[in-house]
Amino acid sequence: ELDTIEQGVRQAVAGNLKGVLSDDQYTLRFLRYGVDGVTGCIEAPPIPLPREVGLLIEAIAPTQELADTVISLARSSALHQAFPNRKATAGNLAFPFSPSDFRGGEVFEFALYHLLDTSGMQMTFKPELISIGGC
């Protein structure tokens, strides 16, 4: 499943960075887009992997050069990560960007602290679920 693949990539990156960066000195984020977004309505669900997924990997590190190294290791590890029922070692991935790695610039941590009196506000923010298209 995707969690196992992501964990394998994380372990490979950490192993390659041993002695260079510790785990708490960089961040790897795996963002999933469109899980079974194309064929999800017309085919039976796969077990345990989806048929298609857009996986964006983001690396944050103390310097741009270190972030470049982290994302390079993550990309390479993802390309060669084993998964159940893999039929080939090539052609399993497509890149949404060219070049595949790009610099996003500085990253800032946003922190907001404010107090709000919530008495009498039970329905101020009414939850609502809207389904658009799909199955």
N, C-alpha and C. Protein backbone atom coordinates (compact mmCIF):
# COMPACT_ATOMS: atom_id res chain seq x y z
N GLU A 1 0.84 -1.18 0.00
CA GLU A 1 0.00 0.00 0.00
C GLU A 1 0.88 1.24 0.00
N LEU A 2 0.29 2.38 -0.25
CA LEU A 2 1.06 3.61 -0.37
C LEU A 2 1.83 3.96 0.89
N ASP A 3 1.24 3.69 2.05
CA ASP A 3 1.94 3.99 3.30
C ASP A 3 3.24 3.20 3.39
N THR A 4 3.23 1.96 2.95
CA THR A 4 4.43 1.12 2.98
C THR A 4 5.48 1.65 2.01
N ILE A 5 5.04 2.08 0.84
CA ILE A 5 5.96 2.64 -0.15
C ILE A 5 6.59 3.92 0.40
N GLU A 6 5.77 4.79 0.96
CA GLU A 6 6.29 6.03 1.52
C GLU A 6 7.28 5.75 2.64
N GLN A 7 6.96 4.78 3.49
CA GLN A 7 7.87 4.43 4.58
C GLN A 7 9.20 3.92 4.03
N GLY A 8 9.14 3.13 2.97
CA GLY A 8 10.37 2.64 2.34
C GLY A 8 11.22 3.77 1.79
N VAL A 9 10.58 4.76 1.19
CA VAL A 9 11.30 5.93 0.68
C VAL A 9 11.93 6.70 1.84
N ARG A 10 11.17 6.91 2.89
CA ARG A 10 11.69 7.62 4.07
C ARG A 10 12.92 6.90 4.65
N GLN A 11 12.83 5.59 4.76
CA GLN A 11 13.94 4.82 5.31
C GLN A 11 15.18 4.90 4.42
N ALA A 12 14.96 4.82 3.11
CA ALA A 12 16.09 4.91 2.18
C ALA A 12 16.76 6.28 2.26
N VAL A 13 15.95 7.33 2.31
CA VAL A 13 16.50 8.68 2.41
C VAL A 13 17.28 8.84 3.71
N ALA A 14 16.68 8.41 4.82
CA ALA A 14 17.35 8.52 6.13
C ALA A 14 18.67 7.75 6.12
N GLY A 15 18.67 6.57 5.52
CA GLY A 15 19.90 5.78 5.44
C GLY A 15 20.98 6.46 4.64
N ASN A 16 20.59 7.09 3.53
CA ASN A 16 21.56 7.79 2.69
C ASN A 16 22.07 9.09 3.33
N LEU A 17 21.27 9.67 4.21
CA LEU A 17 21.66 10.93 4.84
C LEU A 17 22.36 10.74 6.18
N LYS A 18 22.49 9.49 6.60
CA LYS A 18 23.12 9.22 7.89
C LYS A 18 24.50 9.87 7.94
N GLY A 19 24.75 10.64 8.99
CA GLY A 19 26.01 11.34 9.13
C GLY A 19 26.03 12.71 8.46
N VAL A 20 25.00 13.00 7.66
CA VAL A 20 24.91 14.30 6.98
C VAL A 20 23.81 15.14 7.61
N LEU A 21 22.62 14.56 7.71
CA LEU A 21 21.46 15.21 8.32
C LEU A 21 20.74 14.20 9.19
N SER A 22 20.28 14.63 10.34
CA SER A 22 19.45 13.75 11.17
C SER A 22 17.99 13.94 10.77
N ASP A 23 17.14 13.01 11.15
CA ASP A 23 15.73 13.04 10.77
C ASP A 23 15.03 14.34 11.16
N ASP A 24 15.46 14.95 12.26
CA ASP A 24 14.79 16.17 12.71
C ASP A 24 15.32 17.44 12.02
N GLN A 25 16.25 17.28 11.09
CA GLN A 25 16.80 18.43 10.36
C GLN A 25 16.19 18.62 8.97
N TYR A 26 15.32 17.74 8.57
CA TYR A 26 14.65 17.90 7.28
C TYR A 26 13.24 17.33 7.37
N THR A 27 12.42 17.73 6.43
CA THR A 27 11.03 17.26 6.37
C THR A 27 10.76 16.71 4.98
N LEU A 28 10.15 15.56 4.92
CA LEU A 28 9.65 14.99 3.66
C LEU A 28 8.13 14.90 3.78
N ARG A 29 7.44 15.52 2.84
CA ARG A 29 5.97 15.44 2.82
C ARG A 29 5.55 14.70 1.56
N PHE A 30 4.62 13.78 1.72
CA PHE A 30 4.06 13.03 0.60
C PHE A 30 2.61 13.47 0.44
N LEU A 31 2.30 14.13 -0.65
CA LEU A 31 0.96 14.64 -0.90
C LEU A 31 0.32 13.79 -1.99
N ARG A 32 -0.85 13.25 -1.69
CA ARG A 32 -1.55 12.37 -2.64
C ARG A 32 -2.68 13.12 -3.32
N TYR A 33 -2.71 13.04 -4.63
CA TYR A 33 -3.75 13.69 -5.41
C TYR A 33 -4.45 12.67 -6.30
N GLY A 34 -5.76 12.76 -6.39
CA GLY A 34 -6.55 11.98 -7.35
C GLY A 34 -6.45 10.48 -7.22
N VAL A 35 -6.45 9.96 -6.00
CA VAL A 35 -6.38 8.50 -5.82
C VAL A 35 -7.56 7.87 -6.55
N ASP A 36 -7.26 7.03 -7.53
CA ASP A 36 -8.27 6.38 -8.38
C ASP A 36 -9.23 7.40 -9.01
N GLY A 37 -8.72 8.58 -9.31
CA GLY A 37 -9.55 9.65 -9.84
C GLY A 37 -10.03 9.42 -11.26
N VAL A 38 -9.36 8.58 -12.04
CA VAL A 38 -9.75 8.35 -13.42
C VAL A 38 -10.62 7.11 -13.55
N THR A 39 -10.16 6.01 -12.98
CA THR A 39 -10.88 4.74 -13.17
C THR A 39 -11.66 4.29 -11.95
N GLY A 40 -11.66 5.09 -10.89
CA GLY A 40 -12.31 4.69 -9.65
C GLY A 40 -13.78 4.34 -9.77
N CYS A 41 -14.50 4.98 -10.70
CA CYS A 41 -15.93 4.73 -10.85
C CYS A 41 -16.25 3.54 -11.75
N ILE A 42 -15.29 3.13 -12.57
CA ILE A 42 -15.62 2.12 -13.58
C ILE A 42 -14.96 0.77 -13.35
N GLU A 43 -14.06 0.68 -12.38
CA GLU A 43 -13.39 -0.59 -12.11
C GLU A 43 -13.52 -0.95 -10.65
N ALA A 44 -13.46 -2.24 -10.37
CA ALA A 44 -13.50 -2.69 -8.98
C ALA A 44 -12.29 -2.15 -8.24
N PRO A 45 -12.45 -1.83 -6.96
CA PRO A 45 -11.31 -1.28 -6.22
C PRO A 45 -10.18 -2.29 -6.08
N PRO A 46 -8.95 -1.84 -6.28
CA PRO A 46 -7.80 -2.74 -6.15
C PRO A 46 -7.43 -2.95 -4.69
N ILE A 47 -6.77 -4.02 -4.46
CA ILE A 47 -6.28 -4.30 -3.11
C ILE A 47 -4.83 -4.69 -3.24
N PRO A 48 -3.89 -4.08 -2.56
CA PRO A 48 -4.04 -2.98 -1.61
C PRO A 48 -3.70 -1.62 -2.21
N LEU A 49 -3.28 -1.56 -3.49
CA LEU A 49 -2.86 -0.29 -4.09
C LEU A 49 -3.95 0.31 -4.97
N PRO A 50 -3.98 1.63 -5.08
CA PRO A 50 -4.90 2.24 -6.04
C PRO A 50 -4.37 2.03 -7.46
N ARG A 51 -5.23 2.23 -8.45
CA ARG A 51 -4.81 2.11 -9.85
C ARG A 51 -3.95 3.30 -10.26
N GLU A 52 -4.33 4.47 -9.78
CA GLU A 52 -3.55 5.64 -10.11
C GLU A 52 -3.56 6.61 -8.93
N VAL A 53 -2.48 7.33 -8.83
CA VAL A 53 -2.36 8.35 -7.78
C VAL A 53 -1.31 9.36 -8.21
N GLY A 54 -1.58 10.60 -7.95
CA GLY A 54 -0.57 11.64 -8.14
C GLY A 54 0.14 11.82 -6.81
N LEU A 55 1.42 11.55 -6.79
CA LEU A 55 2.19 11.65 -5.54
C LEU A 55 3.22 12.76 -5.70
N LEU A 56 3.07 13.79 -4.90
CA LEU A 56 4.00 14.91 -4.92
C LEU A 56 4.83 14.82 -3.65
N ILE A 57 6.14 14.85 -3.81
CA ILE A 57 7.04 14.76 -2.66
C ILE A 57 7.70 16.12 -2.47
N GLU A 58 7.63 16.61 -1.24
CA GLU A 58 8.20 17.91 -0.90
C GLU A 58 9.30 17.72 0.13
N ALA A 59 10.42 18.37 -0.08
CA ALA A 59 11.54 18.30 0.87
C ALA A 59 11.85 19.70 1.40
N ILE A 60 11.98 19.78 2.71
CA ILE A 60 12.35 21.03 3.36
C ILE A 60 13.58 20.75 4.21
N ALA A 61 14.59 21.60 4.07
CA ALA A 61 15.85 21.42 4.81
C ALA A 61 16.42 22.79 5.14
N PRO A 62 17.46 22.84 5.98
CA PRO A 62 18.02 24.13 6.40
C PRO A 62 18.56 24.99 5.25
N THR A 63 19.05 24.37 4.19
CA THR A 63 19.54 25.12 3.03
C THR A 63 18.94 24.55 1.76
N GLN A 64 18.96 25.35 0.70
CA GLN A 64 18.44 24.88 -0.58
C GLN A 64 19.22 23.69 -1.09
N GLU A 65 20.53 23.72 -0.90
CA GLU A 65 21.37 22.62 -1.38
C GLU A 65 21.02 21.31 -0.67
N LEU A 66 20.77 21.39 0.64
CA LEU A 66 20.38 20.18 1.37
C LEU A 66 18.99 19.71 0.95
N ALA A 67 18.08 20.65 0.72
CA ALA A 67 16.74 20.28 0.25
C ALA A 67 16.84 19.61 -1.12
N ASP A 68 17.72 20.12 -1.99
CA ASP A 68 17.93 19.49 -3.30
C ASP A 68 18.42 18.05 -3.14
N THR A 69 19.33 17.84 -2.20
CA THR A 69 19.85 16.50 -1.95
C THR A 69 18.76 15.58 -1.43
N VAL A 70 17.97 16.06 -0.48
CA VAL A 70 16.90 15.25 0.11
C VAL A 70 15.88 14.85 -0.96
N ILE A 71 15.45 15.81 -1.78
CA ILE A 71 14.42 15.49 -2.79
C ILE A 71 15.00 14.58 -3.87
N SER A 72 16.26 14.75 -4.19
CA SER A 72 16.89 13.87 -5.17
C SER A 72 16.91 12.42 -4.67
N LEU A 73 17.27 12.25 -3.41
CA LEU A 73 17.27 10.90 -2.82
C LEU A 73 15.85 10.33 -2.76
N ALA A 74 14.88 11.17 -2.41
CA ALA A 74 13.49 10.71 -2.32
C ALA A 74 12.96 10.30 -3.70
N ARG A 75 13.24 11.12 -4.71
CA ARG A 75 12.79 10.80 -6.07
C ARG A 75 13.38 9.49 -6.55
N SER A 76 14.68 9.34 -6.37
CA SER A 76 15.35 8.12 -6.81
C SER A 76 14.82 6.90 -6.05
N SER A 77 14.62 7.05 -4.76
CA SER A 77 14.09 5.93 -3.95
C SER A 77 12.67 5.58 -4.38
N ALA A 78 11.85 6.59 -4.67
CA ALA A 78 10.47 6.34 -5.11
C ALA A 78 10.46 5.62 -6.46
N LEU A 79 11.37 6.01 -7.35
CA LEU A 79 11.44 5.37 -8.66
C LEU A 79 11.72 3.88 -8.57
N HIS A 80 12.50 3.49 -7.59
CA HIS A 80 12.95 2.10 -7.49
C HIS A 80 12.31 1.35 -6.33
N GLN A 81 11.29 1.94 -5.71
CA GLN A 81 10.64 1.31 -4.56
C GLN A 81 9.81 0.12 -5.03
N ALA A 82 9.98 -1.00 -4.38
CA ALA A 82 9.19 -2.20 -4.72
C ALA A 82 7.78 -2.06 -4.18
N PHE A 83 6.83 -2.68 -4.86
CA PHE A 83 5.45 -2.75 -4.37
C PHE A 83 4.82 -4.02 -4.92
N PRO A 84 3.75 -4.49 -4.27
CA PRO A 84 3.12 -5.75 -4.68
C PRO A 84 2.67 -5.73 -6.14
N ASN A 85 2.89 -6.81 -6.84
CA ASN A 85 2.45 -7.01 -8.23
C ASN A 85 3.12 -6.07 -9.23
N ARG A 86 4.28 -5.56 -8.89
CA ARG A 86 5.00 -4.71 -9.84
C ARG A 86 5.40 -5.57 -11.03
N LYS A 87 5.15 -5.07 -12.24
CA LYS A 87 5.42 -5.83 -13.45
C LYS A 87 6.74 -5.44 -14.11
N ALA A 88 7.23 -4.26 -13.79
CA ALA A 88 8.48 -3.79 -14.41
C ALA A 88 9.14 -2.79 -13.47
N THR A 89 10.42 -2.56 -13.70
CA THR A 89 11.12 -1.57 -12.89
C THR A 89 11.16 -0.21 -13.57
N ALA A 90 10.53 -0.11 -14.71
CA ALA A 90 10.46 1.17 -15.42
C ALA A 90 9.03 1.39 -15.88
N GLY A 91 8.67 2.62 -16.07
CA GLY A 91 7.35 2.92 -16.60
C GLY A 91 6.24 2.98 -15.57
N ASN A 92 6.60 2.91 -14.29
CA ASN A 92 5.58 2.97 -13.25
C ASN A 92 5.28 4.40 -12.82
N LEU A 93 6.12 5.33 -13.20
CA LEU A 93 5.97 6.71 -12.76
C LEU A 93 6.02 7.67 -13.94
N ALA A 94 5.31 8.76 -13.79
CA ALA A 94 5.39 9.87 -14.73
C ALA A 94 5.63 11.12 -13.89
N PHE A 95 6.33 12.08 -14.43
CA PHE A 95 6.63 13.29 -13.68
C PHE A 95 5.75 14.44 -14.16
N PRO A 96 5.10 15.14 -13.23
CA PRO A 96 4.23 16.26 -13.64
C PRO A 96 5.01 17.53 -13.96
N PHE A 97 6.28 17.57 -13.60
CA PHE A 97 7.09 18.76 -13.82
C PHE A 97 8.33 18.40 -14.64
N SER A 98 8.83 19.39 -15.36
CA SER A 98 10.08 19.20 -16.09
C SER A 98 10.91 20.47 -15.91
N PRO A 99 12.04 20.38 -15.25
CA PRO A 99 12.64 19.18 -14.67
C PRO A 99 11.81 18.65 -13.50
N SER A 100 12.07 17.40 -13.14
CA SER A 100 11.24 16.74 -12.12
C SER A 100 11.37 17.39 -10.75
N ASP A 101 12.51 17.96 -10.45
CA ASP A 101 12.72 18.63 -9.17
C ASP A 101 12.77 20.13 -9.43
N PHE A 102 12.09 20.90 -8.61
CA PHE A 102 12.22 22.35 -8.74
C PHE A 102 12.29 22.99 -7.37
N ARG A 103 12.93 24.12 -7.33
CA ARG A 103 13.12 24.84 -6.08
C ARG A 103 11.90 25.72 -5.80
N GLY A 104 11.33 25.54 -4.64
CA GLY A 104 10.15 26.31 -4.26
C GLY A 104 10.47 27.56 -3.47
N GLY A 105 11.74 27.78 -3.18
CA GLY A 105 12.12 28.97 -2.42
C GLY A 105 12.05 28.74 -0.92
N GLU A 106 12.19 29.83 -0.19
CA GLU A 106 12.19 29.74 1.26
C GLU A 106 10.85 29.25 1.80
N VAL A 107 10.91 28.57 2.92
CA VAL A 107 9.72 28.06 3.59
C VAL A 107 9.62 28.76 4.94
N PHE A 108 8.44 29.22 5.27
CA PHE A 108 8.22 29.90 6.53
C PHE A 108 7.18 29.14 7.34
N GLU A 109 7.35 29.15 8.64
CA GLU A 109 6.37 28.50 9.51
C GLU A 109 5.38 29.55 9.96
N PHE A 110 4.11 29.28 9.74
CA PHE A 110 3.05 30.21 10.12
C PHE A 110 2.50 29.80 11.48
N ALA A 111 2.41 30.75 12.36
CA ALA A 111 1.85 30.48 13.68
C ALA A 111 0.86 31.59 14.00
N LEU A 112 -0.30 31.20 14.46
CA LEU A 112 -1.34 32.15 14.80
C LEU A 112 -1.88 31.78 16.17
N TYR A 113 -1.98 32.75 17.01
CA TYR A 113 -2.53 32.51 18.34
C TYR A 113 -3.56 33.59 18.60
N HIS A 114 -4.78 33.20 18.76
CA HIS A 114 -5.80 34.17 19.15
C HIS A 114 -6.86 33.45 19.98
N LEU A 115 -7.57 34.24 20.74
CA LEU A 115 -8.60 33.70 21.61
C LEU A 115 -9.95 34.14 21.09
N LEU A 116 -10.93 33.27 21.23
CA LEU A 116 -12.27 33.56 20.75
C LEU A 116 -13.26 33.02 21.75
N ASP A 117 -14.19 33.84 22.14
CA ASP A 117 -15.24 33.39 23.05
C ASP A 117 -16.21 32.55 22.24
N THR A 118 -16.30 31.28 22.56
CA THR A 118 -17.13 30.36 21.77
C THR A 118 -18.50 30.11 22.39
N SER A 119 -18.80 30.75 23.49
CA SER A 119 -20.12 30.52 24.09
C SER A 119 -21.20 31.03 23.14
N GLY A 120 -22.19 30.20 22.90
CA GLY A 120 -23.27 30.56 21.99
C GLY A 120 -22.92 30.46 20.52
N MET A 121 -21.82 29.80 20.19
CA MET A 121 -21.39 29.73 18.79
C MET A 121 -21.54 28.32 18.20
N GLN A 122 -22.35 27.49 18.79
CA GLN A 122 -22.43 26.10 18.34
C GLN A 122 -22.71 25.98 16.85
N MET A 123 -23.54 26.82 16.29
CA MET A 123 -23.89 26.70 14.87
C MET A 123 -23.27 27.81 14.01
N THR A 124 -22.31 28.53 14.53
CA THR A 124 -21.68 29.59 13.75
C THR A 124 -21.00 29.01 12.50
N PHE A 125 -20.35 27.89 12.68
CA PHE A 125 -19.70 27.22 11.56
C PHE A 125 -20.36 25.87 11.36
N LYS A 126 -21.44 25.87 10.61
CA LYS A 126 -22.22 24.66 10.40
C LYS A 126 -21.49 23.75 9.41
N PRO A 127 -21.19 22.50 9.82
CA PRO A 127 -20.53 21.58 8.88
C PRO A 127 -21.48 21.19 7.75
N GLU A 128 -20.94 21.11 6.55
CA GLU A 128 -21.75 20.74 5.39
C GLU A 128 -20.91 19.88 4.46
N LEU A 129 -21.47 18.79 3.96
CA LEU A 129 -20.79 17.90 3.04
C LEU A 129 -21.43 18.04 1.67
N ILE A 130 -20.63 18.36 0.68
CA ILE A 130 -21.12 18.52 -0.68
C ILE A 130 -20.37 17.54 -1.57
N SER A 131 -21.10 16.73 -2.33
CA SER A 131 -20.49 15.79 -3.27
C SER A 131 -20.67 16.34 -4.68
N ILE A 132 -19.55 16.50 -5.37
CA ILE A 132 -19.58 17.05 -6.73
C ILE A 132 -19.14 15.96 -7.69
N GLY A 133 -20.01 15.58 -8.61
CA GLY A 133 -19.67 14.56 -9.60
C GLY A 133 -19.32 13.25 -8.94
N GLY A 134 -18.40 12.54 -9.54
CA GLY A 134 -17.94 11.28 -8.97
C GLY A 134 -18.95 10.16 -9.13
N CYS A 135 -18.80 9.14 -8.31
CA CYS A 135 -19.63 7.94 -8.41
C CYS A 135 -20.89 8.06 -7.60
